[in-house]
Amino acid sequence: MRADARRNRERLLAEAAALFSERGTEASLEDIARRAGLAIGTL
């Protein structure tokens, strides 16, 4: 896996965990991507 892809994946997983802890199933994919500083296409 490329280094940038690995960083993006780690960022997305961390933000997803945080958002699901805060909002449960109300967390959206768009919110996860936004909080990770990435575009939804990256997700």
PDB file of N, CA and C in Angstrom:
ATOM      1  N   MET A   1       0.845  -1.170   0.000  1.00  0.00           N
ATOM      2  CA  MET A   1       0.000   0.000   0.000  1.00  0.00           C
ATOM      3  C   MET A   1       0.898   1.243   0.000  1.00  0.00           C
ATOM      4  N   ARG A   2       0.523   2.232  -0.789  1.00  0.00           N
ATOM      5  CA  ARG A   2       1.283   3.477  -0.837  1.00  0.00           C
ATOM      6  C   ARG A   2       1.189   4.197   0.493  1.00  0.00           C
ATOM      7  N   ALA A   3       2.197   4.982   0.805  1.00  0.00           N
ATOM      8  CA  ALA A   3       2.263   5.691   2.088  1.00  0.00           C
ATOM      9  C   ALA A   3       1.098   6.664   2.247  1.00  0.00           C
ATOM     10  N   ASP A   4       0.747   7.393   1.179  1.00  0.00           N
ATOM     11  CA  ASP A   4      -0.354   8.344   1.294  1.00  0.00           C
ATOM     12  C   ASP A   4      -1.683   7.636   1.493  1.00  0.00           C
ATOM     13  N   ALA A   5      -1.856   6.507   0.840  1.00  0.00           N
ATOM     14  CA  ALA A   5      -3.087   5.731   1.015  1.00  0.00           C
ATOM     15  C   ALA A   5      -3.180   5.201   2.438  1.00  0.00           C
ATOM     16  N   ARG A   6      -2.061   4.776   2.993  1.00  0.00           N
ATOM     17  CA  ARG A   6      -2.035   4.279   4.371  1.00  0.00           C
ATOM     18  C   ARG A   6      -2.407   5.402   5.348  1.00  0.00           C
ATOM     19  N   ARG A   7      -1.838   6.588   5.135  1.00  0.00           N
ATOM     20  CA  ARG A   7      -2.171   7.735   6.010  1.00  0.00           C
ATOM     21  C   ARG A   7      -3.648   8.087   5.918  1.00  0.00           C
ATOM     22  N   ASN A   8      -4.173   8.122   4.699  1.00  0.00           N
ATOM     23  CA  ASN A   8      -5.593   8.433   4.516  1.00  0.00           C
ATOM     24  C   ASN A   8      -6.473   7.407   5.212  1.00  0.00           C
ATOM     25  N   ARG A   9      -6.112   6.149   5.070  1.00  0.00           N
ATOM     26  CA  ARG A   9      -6.894   5.075   5.701  1.00  0.00           C
ATOM     27  C   ARG A   9      -6.887   5.223   7.216  1.00  0.00           C
ATOM     28  N   GLU A  10      -5.710   5.481   7.778  1.00  0.00           N
ATOM     29  CA  GLU A  10      -5.612   5.650   9.233  1.00  0.00           C
ATOM     30  C   GLU A  10      -6.427   6.841   9.704  1.00  0.00           C
ATOM     31  N   ARG A  11      -6.354   7.946   8.955  1.00  0.00           N
ATOM     32  CA  ARG A  11      -7.130   9.137   9.310  1.00  0.00           C
ATOM     33  C   ARG A  11      -8.629   8.859   9.250  1.00  0.00           C
ATOM     34  N   LEU A  12      -9.062   8.197   8.178  1.00  0.00           N
ATOM     35  CA  LEU A  12     -10.481   7.884   8.029  1.00  0.00           C
ATOM     36  C   LEU A  12     -10.985   6.969   9.142  1.00  0.00           C
ATOM     37  N   LEU A  13     -10.208   5.950   9.471  1.00  0.00           N
ATOM     38  CA  LEU A  13     -10.629   5.033  10.524  1.00  0.00           C
ATOM     39  C   LEU A  13     -10.696   5.727  11.887  1.00  0.00           C
ATOM     40  N   ALA A  14      -9.740   6.594  12.169  1.00  0.00           N
ATOM     41  CA  ALA A  14      -9.744   7.317  13.440  1.00  0.00           C
ATOM     42  C   ALA A  14     -10.957   8.239  13.537  1.00  0.00           C
ATOM     43  N   GLU A  15     -11.233   8.967  12.469  1.00  0.00           N
ATOM     44  CA  GLU A  15     -12.383   9.878  12.481  1.00  0.00           C
ATOM     45  C   GLU A  15     -13.696   9.115  12.509  1.00  0.00           C
ATOM     46  N   ALA A  16     -13.761   7.992  11.818  1.00  0.00           N
ATOM     47  CA  ALA A  16     -14.980   7.178  11.843  1.00  0.00           C
ATOM     48  C   ALA A  16     -15.252   6.684  13.259  1.00  0.00           C
ATOM     49  N   ALA A  17     -14.221   6.204  13.935  1.00  0.00           N
ATOM     50  CA  ALA A  17     -14.389   5.732  15.312  1.00  0.00           C
ATOM     51  C   ALA A  17     -14.867   6.863  16.214  1.00  0.00           C
ATOM     52  N   ALA A  18     -14.278   8.040  16.065  1.00  0.00           N
ATOM     53  CA  ALA A  18     -14.667   9.182  16.891  1.00  0.00           C
ATOM     54  C   ALA A  18     -16.113   9.593  16.623  1.00  0.00           C
ATOM     55  N   LEU A  19     -16.476   9.681  15.357  1.00  0.00           N
ATOM     56  CA  LEU A  19     -17.845  10.092  15.023  1.00  0.00           C
ATOM     57  C   LEU A  19     -18.877   9.066  15.455  1.00  0.00           C
ATOM     58  N   PHE A  20     -18.591   7.788  15.268  1.00  0.00           N
ATOM     59  CA  PHE A  20     -19.543   6.766  15.702  1.00  0.00           C
ATOM     60  C   PHE A  20     -19.677   6.759  17.220  1.00  0.00           C
ATOM     61  N   SER A  21     -18.616   7.093  17.923  1.00  0.00           N
ATOM     62  CA  SER A  21     -18.697   7.205  19.386  1.00  0.00           C
ATOM     63  C   SER A  21     -19.583   8.374  19.792  1.00  0.00           C
ATOM     64  N   GLU A  22     -19.481   9.461  19.042  1.00  0.00           N
ATOM     65  CA  GLU A  22     -20.267  10.667  19.348  1.00  0.00           C
ATOM     66  C   GLU A  22     -21.721  10.551  18.907  1.00  0.00           C
ATOM     67  N   ARG A  23     -21.936  10.065  17.678  1.00  0.00           N
ATOM     68  CA  ARG A  23     -23.266  10.123  17.066  1.00  0.00           C
ATOM     69  C   ARG A  23     -23.923   8.775  16.824  1.00  0.00           C
ATOM     70  N   GLY A  24     -23.194   7.711  17.019  1.00  0.00           N
ATOM     71  CA  GLY A  24     -23.757   6.401  16.708  1.00  0.00           C
ATOM     72  C   GLY A  24     -24.011   6.259  15.223  1.00  0.00           C
ATOM     73  N   THR A  25     -25.115   5.636  14.879  1.00  0.00           N
ATOM     74  CA  THR A  25     -25.415   5.388  13.469  1.00  0.00           C
ATOM     75  C   THR A  25     -25.838   6.639  12.715  1.00  0.00           C
ATOM     76  N   GLU A  26     -25.941   7.766  13.403  1.00  0.00           N
ATOM     77  CA  GLU A  26     -26.282   9.027  12.738  1.00  0.00           C
ATOM     78  C   GLU A  26     -25.076   9.645  12.032  1.00  0.00           C
ATOM     79  N   ALA A  27     -23.883   9.108  12.245  1.00  0.00           N
ATOM     80  CA  ALA A  27     -22.680   9.617  11.580  1.00  0.00           C
ATOM     81  C   ALA A  27     -22.775   9.304  10.089  1.00  0.00           C
ATOM     82  N   SER A  28     -22.486  10.301   9.265  1.00  0.00           N
ATOM     83  CA  SER A  28     -22.553  10.083   7.822  1.00  0.00           C
ATOM     84  C   SER A  28     -21.157   9.928   7.240  1.00  0.00           C
ATOM     85  N   LEU A  29     -21.095   9.299   6.094  1.00  0.00           N
ATOM     86  CA  LEU A  29     -19.814   9.139   5.413  1.00  0.00           C
ATOM     87  C   LEU A  29     -19.221  10.498   5.045  1.00  0.00           C
ATOM     88  N   GLU A  30     -20.074  11.434   4.654  1.00  0.00           N
ATOM     89  CA  GLU A  30     -19.604  12.775   4.327  1.00  0.00           C
ATOM     90  C   GLU A  30     -18.953  13.443   5.537  1.00  0.00           C
ATOM     91  N   ASP A  31     -19.557  13.280   6.707  1.00  0.00           N
ATOM     92  CA  ASP A  31     -18.983  13.852   7.932  1.00  0.00           C
ATOM     93  C   ASP A  31     -17.632  13.228   8.262  1.00  0.00           C
ATOM     94  N   ILE A  32     -17.515  11.932   8.069  1.00  0.00           N
ATOM     95  CA  ILE A  32     -16.251  11.245   8.342  1.00  0.00           C
ATOM     96  C   ILE A  32     -15.162  11.791   7.423  1.00  0.00           C
ATOM     97  N   ALA A  33     -15.444  11.851   6.140  1.00  0.00           N
ATOM     98  CA  ALA A  33     -14.462  12.359   5.177  1.00  0.00           C
ATOM     99  C   ALA A  33     -14.083  13.799   5.497  1.00  0.00           C
ATOM    100  N   ARG A  34     -15.074  14.628   5.792  1.00  0.00           N
ATOM    101  CA  ARG A  34     -14.817  16.041   6.083  1.00  0.00           C
ATOM    102  C   ARG A  34     -13.919  16.181   7.305  1.00  0.00           C
ATOM    103  N   ARG A  35     -14.216  15.463   8.369  1.00  0.00           N
ATOM    104  CA  ARG A  35     -13.413  15.554   9.587  1.00  0.00           C
ATOM    105  C   ARG A  35     -12.010  15.021   9.385  1.00  0.00           C
ATOM    106  N   ALA A  36     -11.854  14.091   8.465  1.00  0.00           N
ATOM    107  CA  ALA A  36     -10.528  13.551   8.166  1.00  0.00           C
ATOM    108  C   ALA A  36      -9.752  14.477   7.226  1.00  0.00           C
ATOM    109  N   GLY A  37     -10.446  15.495   6.697  1.00  0.00           N
ATOM    110  CA  GLY A  37      -9.795  16.420   5.765  1.00  0.00           C
ATOM    111  C   GLY A  37      -9.604  15.835   4.388  1.00  0.00           C
ATOM    112  N   LEU A  38     -10.496  14.905   4.029  1.00  0.00           N
ATOM    113  CA  LEU A  38     -10.403  14.237   2.735  1.00  0.00           C
ATOM    114  C   LEU A  38     -11.719  14.377   1.965  1.00  0.00           C
ATOM    115  N   ALA A  39     -11.659  14.159   0.678  1.00  0.00           N
ATOM    116  CA  ALA A  39     -12.859  14.204  -0.146  1.00  0.00           C
ATOM    117  C   ALA A  39     -13.622  12.888  -0.004  1.00  0.00           C
ATOM    118  N   ILE A  40     -14.919  12.951  -0.258  1.00  0.00           N
ATOM    119  CA  ILE A  40     -15.752  11.765  -0.143  1.00  0.00           C
ATOM    120  C   ILE A  40     -15.278  10.679  -1.120  1.00  0.00           C
ATOM    121  N   GLY A  41     -14.729  11.059  -2.248  1.00  0.00           N
ATOM    122  CA  GLY A  41     -14.200  10.084  -3.204  1.00  0.00           C
ATOM    123  C   GLY A  41     -13.052   9.272  -2.653  1.00  0.00           C
ATOM    124  N   THR A  42     -12.291   9.859  -1.763  1.00  0.00           N
ATOM    125  CA  THR A  42     -11.195   9.139  -1.125  1.00  0.00           C
ATOM    126  C   THR A  42     -11.733   8.069  -0.198  1.00  0.00           C
ATOM    127  N   LEU A  43     -12.841   8.391   0.451  1.00  0.00           N
ATOM    128  CA  LEU A  43     -13.467   7.421   1.336  1.00  0.00           C
ATOM    129  C   LEU A  43     -13.973   6.242   0.550  1.00  0.00           C
TER     130      LEU A  43
END
